[in-house]
Amino acid sequence: MESNNLEIGKEYLITHNRRGKFQAIVKGFNSEWVTIEITKGKAGAALEYNERFAGEELTVRKGFCRFSEIQTANAA
């Protein structure tokens, strides 16, 4: 399910126009920016030292992303 209504603490599959696909938990957001913690995969970058990996936080521009909520097995 693709979501425009993000929720803090939920995990999403994120498709970023520049950084690729990865999974992350939303830590906070406003109308333009989303702070996430990557849980699986890698957020690529033009320069290698700007790549981010699982366990690292990253702030991305909401307009560059598509967020698809990940349904957990124990969710009702």
N, C-alpha and C. Protein backbone atom coordinates (compact mmCIF):
# COMPACT_ATOMS: atom_id res chain seq x y z
N MET A 1 0.85 -1.18 0.00
CA MET A 1 0.00 0.00 0.00
C MET A 1 0.89 1.23 0.00
N GLU A 2 0.71 2.07 -0.98
CA GLU A 2 1.48 3.31 -1.05
C GLU A 2 0.82 4.35 -0.16
N SER A 3 1.64 5.11 0.54
CA SER A 3 1.08 6.02 1.54
C SER A 3 1.61 7.43 1.37
N ASN A 4 0.68 8.39 1.42
CA ASN A 4 1.06 9.80 1.51
C ASN A 4 0.96 10.26 2.95
N ASN A 5 0.33 9.47 3.79
CA ASN A 5 0.15 9.80 5.21
C ASN A 5 1.15 9.00 6.02
N LEU A 6 2.34 9.53 6.18
CA LEU A 6 3.39 8.84 6.92
C LEU A 6 3.08 8.81 8.40
N GLU A 7 3.56 7.76 9.07
CA GLU A 7 3.42 7.64 10.51
C GLU A 7 4.78 7.37 11.12
N ILE A 8 5.10 8.10 12.17
CA ILE A 8 6.36 7.91 12.89
C ILE A 8 6.36 6.52 13.51
N GLY A 9 7.48 5.83 13.36
CA GLY A 9 7.63 4.49 13.93
C GLY A 9 7.28 3.37 12.97
N LYS A 10 6.64 3.67 11.84
CA LYS A 10 6.29 2.64 10.87
C LYS A 10 7.43 2.46 9.87
N GLU A 11 7.51 1.22 9.34
CA GLU A 11 8.55 0.90 8.37
C GLU A 11 7.98 0.97 6.95
N TYR A 12 8.77 1.53 6.05
CA TYR A 12 8.34 1.72 4.67
C TYR A 12 9.42 1.24 3.70
N LEU A 13 8.98 0.76 2.54
CA LEU A 13 9.88 0.57 1.41
C LEU A 13 9.92 1.91 0.72
N ILE A 14 11.10 2.47 0.58
CA ILE A 14 11.25 3.81 0.01
C ILE A 14 11.92 3.69 -1.34
N THR A 15 11.30 4.31 -2.33
CA THR A 15 11.90 4.42 -3.65
C THR A 15 12.23 5.89 -3.84
N HIS A 16 13.52 6.20 -3.82
CA HIS A 16 14.01 7.57 -3.91
C HIS A 16 14.51 7.82 -5.33
N ASN A 17 14.16 8.96 -5.90
CA ASN A 17 14.56 9.28 -7.28
C ASN A 17 16.07 9.22 -7.50
N ARG A 18 16.85 9.56 -6.50
CA ARG A 18 18.31 9.63 -6.65
C ARG A 18 19.07 8.55 -5.88
N ARG A 19 18.51 8.09 -4.77
CA ARG A 19 19.23 7.18 -3.88
C ARG A 19 18.84 5.71 -4.01
N GLY A 20 17.81 5.40 -4.79
CA GLY A 20 17.44 4.02 -5.03
C GLY A 20 16.36 3.51 -4.08
N LYS A 21 16.32 2.17 -3.89
CA LYS A 21 15.31 1.52 -3.05
C LYS A 21 15.95 0.99 -1.78
N PHE A 22 15.26 1.19 -0.66
CA PHE A 22 15.71 0.68 0.63
C PHE A 22 14.53 0.72 1.60
N GLN A 23 14.68 0.04 2.72
CA GLN A 23 13.63 0.04 3.74
C GLN A 23 14.09 0.89 4.92
N ALA A 24 13.13 1.57 5.55
CA ALA A 24 13.48 2.45 6.66
C ALA A 24 12.28 2.72 7.56
N ILE A 25 12.58 3.07 8.80
CA ILE A 25 11.57 3.47 9.78
C ILE A 25 11.55 5.00 9.81
N VAL A 26 10.37 5.57 9.79
CA VAL A 26 10.22 7.03 9.85
C VAL A 26 10.44 7.49 11.29
N LYS A 27 11.36 8.42 11.47
CA LYS A 27 11.67 8.98 12.79
C LYS A 27 10.98 10.33 13.01
N GLY A 28 10.72 11.06 11.93
CA GLY A 28 10.06 12.36 12.02
C GLY A 28 9.90 12.94 10.63
N PHE A 29 9.02 13.92 10.49
CA PHE A 29 8.81 14.54 9.18
C PHE A 29 8.09 15.86 9.33
N ASN A 30 8.18 16.66 8.26
CA ASN A 30 7.37 17.87 8.13
C ASN A 30 6.87 17.90 6.69
N SER A 31 6.42 19.03 6.21
CA SER A 31 5.82 19.07 4.87
C SER A 31 6.82 18.79 3.75
N GLU A 32 8.12 19.00 4.00
CA GLU A 32 9.11 18.83 2.94
C GLU A 32 10.15 17.74 3.19
N TRP A 33 10.47 17.47 4.44
CA TRP A 33 11.57 16.56 4.78
C TRP A 33 11.09 15.39 5.63
N VAL A 34 11.78 14.24 5.49
CA VAL A 34 11.49 13.05 6.30
C VAL A 34 12.81 12.53 6.85
N THR A 35 12.88 12.33 8.15
CA THR A 35 14.05 11.73 8.78
C THR A 35 13.75 10.25 8.98
N ILE A 36 14.67 9.41 8.52
CA ILE A 36 14.45 7.96 8.56
C ILE A 36 15.67 7.26 9.14
N GLU A 37 15.46 6.02 9.58
CA GLU A 37 16.56 5.14 9.96
C GLU A 37 16.48 3.94 9.03
N ILE A 38 17.51 3.72 8.26
CA ILE A 38 17.53 2.63 7.29
C ILE A 38 17.57 1.30 8.03
N THR A 39 16.71 0.36 7.61
CA THR A 39 16.66 -0.96 8.23
C THR A 39 17.16 -2.06 7.31
N LYS A 40 17.08 -1.84 6.01
CA LYS A 40 17.52 -2.86 5.05
C LYS A 40 17.89 -2.17 3.74
N GLY A 41 19.02 -2.56 3.18
CA GLY A 41 19.45 -1.99 1.93
C GLY A 41 20.40 -0.83 2.14
N LYS A 42 20.57 -0.05 1.07
CA LYS A 42 21.53 1.05 1.08
C LYS A 42 20.93 2.23 0.33
N ALA A 43 21.13 3.43 0.88
CA ALA A 43 20.76 4.65 0.18
C ALA A 43 22.00 5.11 -0.58
N GLY A 44 21.96 4.95 -1.89
CA GLY A 44 23.10 5.30 -2.72
C GLY A 44 23.32 6.80 -2.77
N ALA A 45 24.40 7.19 -3.43
CA ALA A 45 24.73 8.62 -3.58
C ALA A 45 25.74 8.77 -4.70
N ALA A 46 25.83 9.97 -5.24
CA ALA A 46 26.80 10.24 -6.31
C ALA A 46 28.22 10.03 -5.81
N LEU A 47 28.48 10.39 -4.57
CA LEU A 47 29.80 10.19 -3.96
C LEU A 47 29.71 9.10 -2.91
N GLU A 48 30.62 8.16 -2.95
CA GLU A 48 30.58 6.98 -2.08
C GLU A 48 30.48 7.33 -0.59
N TYR A 49 31.16 8.38 -0.15
CA TYR A 49 31.14 8.71 1.28
C TYR A 49 29.79 9.25 1.75
N ASN A 50 28.88 9.55 0.83
CA ASN A 50 27.53 9.99 1.20
C ASN A 50 26.51 8.86 1.22
N GLU A 51 26.92 7.63 0.89
CA GLU A 51 26.01 6.50 0.97
C GLU A 51 25.67 6.22 2.43
N ARG A 52 24.46 5.70 2.66
CA ARG A 52 24.03 5.37 4.02
C ARG A 52 23.53 3.93 4.04
N PHE A 53 23.79 3.23 5.16
CA PHE A 53 23.51 1.81 5.29
C PHE A 53 22.59 1.54 6.47
N ALA A 54 22.16 0.28 6.62
CA ALA A 54 21.28 -0.12 7.71
C ALA A 54 21.83 0.36 9.05
N GLY A 55 20.95 0.94 9.85
CA GLY A 55 21.32 1.45 11.16
C GLY A 55 21.65 2.94 11.16
N GLU A 56 21.81 3.52 9.99
CA GLU A 56 22.16 4.94 9.90
C GLU A 56 20.91 5.78 9.62
N GLU A 57 20.92 7.02 10.13
CA GLU A 57 19.82 7.95 9.87
C GLU A 57 20.13 8.79 8.65
N LEU A 58 19.05 9.26 8.03
CA LEU A 58 19.15 10.05 6.82
C LEU A 58 17.93 10.94 6.74
N THR A 59 18.10 12.15 6.26
CA THR A 59 16.96 13.04 6.01
C THR A 59 16.83 13.19 4.51
N VAL A 60 15.62 12.91 3.99
CA VAL A 60 15.37 12.96 2.56
C VAL A 60 14.24 13.93 2.25
N ARG A 61 14.25 14.46 1.05
CA ARG A 61 13.18 15.35 0.60
C ARG A 61 11.98 14.48 0.23
N LYS A 62 10.84 14.75 0.84
CA LYS A 62 9.63 13.96 0.65
C LYS A 62 9.24 13.87 -0.83
N GLY A 63 9.41 14.96 -1.57
CA GLY A 63 9.03 15.00 -2.97
C GLY A 63 9.84 14.09 -3.88
N PHE A 64 11.00 13.62 -3.42
CA PHE A 64 11.84 12.73 -4.20
C PHE A 64 11.55 11.26 -3.90
N CYS A 65 10.60 10.97 -3.00
CA CYS A 65 10.38 9.61 -2.52
C CYS A 65 8.96 9.12 -2.77
N ARG A 66 8.87 7.79 -2.89
CA ARG A 66 7.58 7.10 -2.84
C ARG A 66 7.67 6.15 -1.65
N PHE A 67 6.71 6.21 -0.75
CA PHE A 67 6.70 5.41 0.47
C PHE A 67 5.63 4.34 0.38
N SER A 68 6.03 3.07 0.52
CA SER A 68 5.09 1.96 0.53
C SER A 68 5.21 1.28 1.89
N GLU A 69 4.14 1.30 2.67
CA GLU A 69 4.17 0.72 4.01
C GLU A 69 4.43 -0.77 3.95
N ILE A 70 5.30 -1.25 4.83
CA ILE A 70 5.61 -2.67 4.92
C ILE A 70 4.69 -3.27 5.97
N GLN A 71 3.93 -4.25 5.57
CA GLN A 71 3.02 -4.93 6.49
C GLN A 71 3.79 -6.00 7.23
N THR A 72 3.74 -5.97 8.57
CA THR A 72 4.43 -6.98 9.36
C THR A 72 3.55 -8.22 9.51
N ALA A 73 4.16 -9.36 9.75
CA ALA A 73 3.44 -10.63 9.83
C ALA A 73 2.48 -10.66 11.02
N ASN A 74 2.79 -9.97 12.11
CA ASN A 74 1.94 -10.00 13.30
C ASN A 74 0.93 -8.87 13.33
N ALA A 75 0.81 -8.10 12.25
CA ALA A 75 -0.20 -7.02 12.20
C ALA A 75 -1.58 -7.61 11.96
N ALA A 76 -2.57 -7.07 12.63
CA ALA A 76 -3.92 -7.60 12.50
C ALA A 76 -4.60 -7.06 11.27
